[in-house]
Amino acid sequence: MALGLNTVHLAGWLAVWFATHLASRLNGRIASISGIL
C-alpha cells in the first residue's frame, strides 16, 4: 500500500513538474513571438 501511494505521489510530482516546465517554455515562446511582433 505504501509503495503504491509513493508511486502515485511520484507520478503526481512528475506531472506537476512537467506541467510547469511546459508552461515556462510556452511562456518563453509566446514572449519571443510577441517580441518579434
N, C-alpha and C. Protein backbone atom coordinates (compact mmCIF):
# COMPACT_ATOMS: atom_id res chain seq x y z
N MET A 1 0.84 -1.21 0.00
CA MET A 1 0.00 0.00 0.00
C MET A 1 0.88 1.25 0.00
N ALA A 2 1.87 1.26 0.86
CA ALA A 2 2.74 2.43 0.94
C ALA A 2 3.49 2.63 -0.37
N LEU A 3 3.90 1.51 -0.98
CA LEU A 3 4.62 1.61 -2.25
C LEU A 3 3.71 2.18 -3.32
N GLY A 4 2.46 1.75 -3.35
CA GLY A 4 1.50 2.26 -4.34
C GLY A 4 1.28 3.75 -4.15
N LEU A 5 1.11 4.17 -2.89
CA LEU A 5 0.90 5.60 -2.62
C LEU A 5 2.14 6.39 -3.00
N ASN A 6 3.32 5.82 -2.76
CA ASN A 6 4.56 6.50 -3.10
C ASN A 6 4.67 6.66 -4.61
N THR A 7 4.26 5.64 -5.35
CA THR A 7 4.30 5.71 -6.82
C THR A 7 3.34 6.77 -7.32
N VAL A 8 2.14 6.82 -6.74
CA VAL A 8 1.15 7.83 -7.14
C VAL A 8 1.68 9.22 -6.83
N HIS A 9 2.32 9.37 -5.67
CA HIS A 9 2.87 10.67 -5.27
C HIS A 9 3.97 11.09 -6.24
N LEU A 10 4.83 10.14 -6.62
CA LEU A 10 5.91 10.45 -7.54
C LEU A 10 5.36 10.81 -8.91
N ALA A 11 4.34 10.08 -9.36
CA ALA A 11 3.73 10.38 -10.66
C ALA A 11 3.10 11.77 -10.64
N GLY A 12 2.44 12.11 -9.54
CA GLY A 12 1.81 13.43 -9.43
C GLY A 12 2.87 14.53 -9.43
N TRP A 13 3.99 14.29 -8.71
CA TRP A 13 5.07 15.29 -8.66
C TRP A 13 5.67 15.49 -10.04
N LEU A 14 5.86 14.38 -10.78
CA LEU A 14 6.41 14.48 -12.13
C LEU A 14 5.43 15.22 -13.05
N ALA A 15 4.15 14.96 -12.89
CA ALA A 15 3.15 15.63 -13.72
C ALA A 15 3.17 17.13 -13.46
N VAL A 16 3.27 17.51 -12.19
CA VAL A 16 3.32 18.94 -11.84
C VAL A 16 4.58 19.57 -12.41
N TRP A 17 5.74 18.88 -12.27
CA TRP A 17 6.99 19.43 -12.79
C TRP A 17 6.93 19.58 -14.29
N PHE A 18 6.38 18.57 -14.97
CA PHE A 18 6.29 18.62 -16.43
C PHE A 18 5.36 19.75 -16.86
N ALA A 19 4.25 19.93 -16.14
CA ALA A 19 3.30 20.99 -16.50
C ALA A 19 3.95 22.37 -16.32
N THR A 20 4.67 22.57 -15.23
CA THR A 20 5.31 23.87 -15.00
C THR A 20 6.43 24.09 -16.01
N HIS A 21 7.17 23.03 -16.33
CA HIS A 21 8.25 23.14 -17.31
C HIS A 21 7.68 23.50 -18.68
N LEU A 22 6.60 22.83 -19.06
CA LEU A 22 5.96 23.10 -20.35
C LEU A 22 5.39 24.52 -20.37
N ALA A 23 4.78 24.95 -19.26
CA ALA A 23 4.21 26.29 -19.20
C ALA A 23 5.30 27.36 -19.34
N SER A 24 6.43 27.14 -18.68
CA SER A 24 7.52 28.13 -18.77
C SER A 24 8.06 28.18 -20.20
N ARG A 25 8.15 27.03 -20.86
CA ARG A 25 8.63 27.02 -22.25
C ARG A 25 7.63 27.73 -23.15
N LEU A 26 6.33 27.49 -22.92
CA LEU A 26 5.31 28.15 -23.72
C LEU A 26 5.33 29.65 -23.48
N ASN A 27 5.51 30.07 -22.23
CA ASN A 27 5.58 31.49 -21.92
C ASN A 27 6.77 32.13 -22.62
N GLY A 28 7.90 31.45 -22.63
CA GLY A 28 9.08 31.98 -23.31
C GLY A 28 8.84 32.10 -24.80
N ARG A 29 8.17 31.10 -25.38
CA ARG A 29 7.90 31.14 -26.82
C ARG A 29 6.93 32.26 -27.15
N ILE A 30 5.89 32.42 -26.32
CA ILE A 30 4.91 33.49 -26.55
C ILE A 30 5.60 34.85 -26.40
N ALA A 31 6.49 34.98 -25.43
CA ALA A 31 7.20 36.24 -25.21
C ALA A 31 8.07 36.56 -26.41
N SER A 32 8.75 35.55 -26.96
CA SER A 32 9.63 35.80 -28.11
C SER A 32 8.79 36.15 -29.34
N ILE A 33 7.64 35.49 -29.49
CA ILE A 33 6.77 35.80 -30.64
C ILE A 33 6.23 37.23 -30.52
N SER A 34 5.76 37.61 -29.33
CA SER A 34 5.23 38.96 -29.15
C SER A 34 6.37 39.98 -29.27
N GLY A 35 7.60 39.57 -28.92
CA GLY A 35 8.75 40.47 -29.07
C GLY A 35 9.03 40.71 -30.55
N ILE A 36 8.86 39.66 -31.36
CA ILE A 36 9.07 39.81 -32.81
C ILE A 36 7.96 40.69 -33.40
N LEU A 37 6.72 40.44 -32.94
CA LEU A 37 5.61 41.23 -33.45
C LEU A 37 5.71 42.65 -32.89
